[in-house]
Structures are given as structure tokens and as C-alpha cells.
Amino acid sequence: MITNISNGDSELKQLFNNRKYFDYPKSINLIKTLIASQNGDIIMDFFSGSATTAHAVMQLNAEDGGNRKFIMVQLPEPCDEKSEAYKAGYKNICEIGKERICVPEKK
């Protein structure tokens, strides 16, 4: 049973110094639940946005020793110049996703 699908916002804010860059990010736990049985598969996300799926794959592999891989696809959609993301130096949402994929490794 999937219980907490709405905590994506707090998860993303935790990674990015309490800044809100996306309105409705997916929850890592939701994605982990969906892909848990897919050990050894390639998980593809055609609308990767903040790269929650990549984060979930890396985290789940670390937890269960899995060998899942991911492919993230995201058009370089420009960030609104008034947005927190733009003010933080992200010119498009791909840059945010790339940073998210690297941040867990740094912690």
C-alpha cells in the first residue's frame, strides 16, 4: 500500500536548502514503491522534471543492493525569471535535475 505520496515537496526542499523549485514534485517513496520489483531493469522517465525517479533508483539500489539503471528525459524548459530556481542560478529545469542526481552522492 502506498501511504505518503505527497511528501515530494518536503524531500526536494531538504535537498535544496529549503528552497521550493517545483510546485508538485513526485515523492521518492512513491517511485520506490513502483520500481521495487524491477531489479536489474532500466527505468525510463520521459518527464523527469526534478529527477525524482533517478533519485529513487539510486536510493533503492543503495538500500537493497539492486542493479537498476535509469534514463531521464527532460526538455530544457526555461525557468521563470521570477522563480526561486532562476534566482538560485538554474536557467532551465534540466539543470535542477542534474544537481539533484549529484547531491545525494555529496551527502
Foldseek 3Di string as FASTA:
>chain_A
DDDDFQCQQVVLCVLVVNFGQDDGGTDLSVLLVVCVVVFPEEAEDQDCQQNSNLVSVVVSCVVPVGDYHYDYHHDFAARPCPGPCVVVPRGGRVVNNVSVNCSVVVD
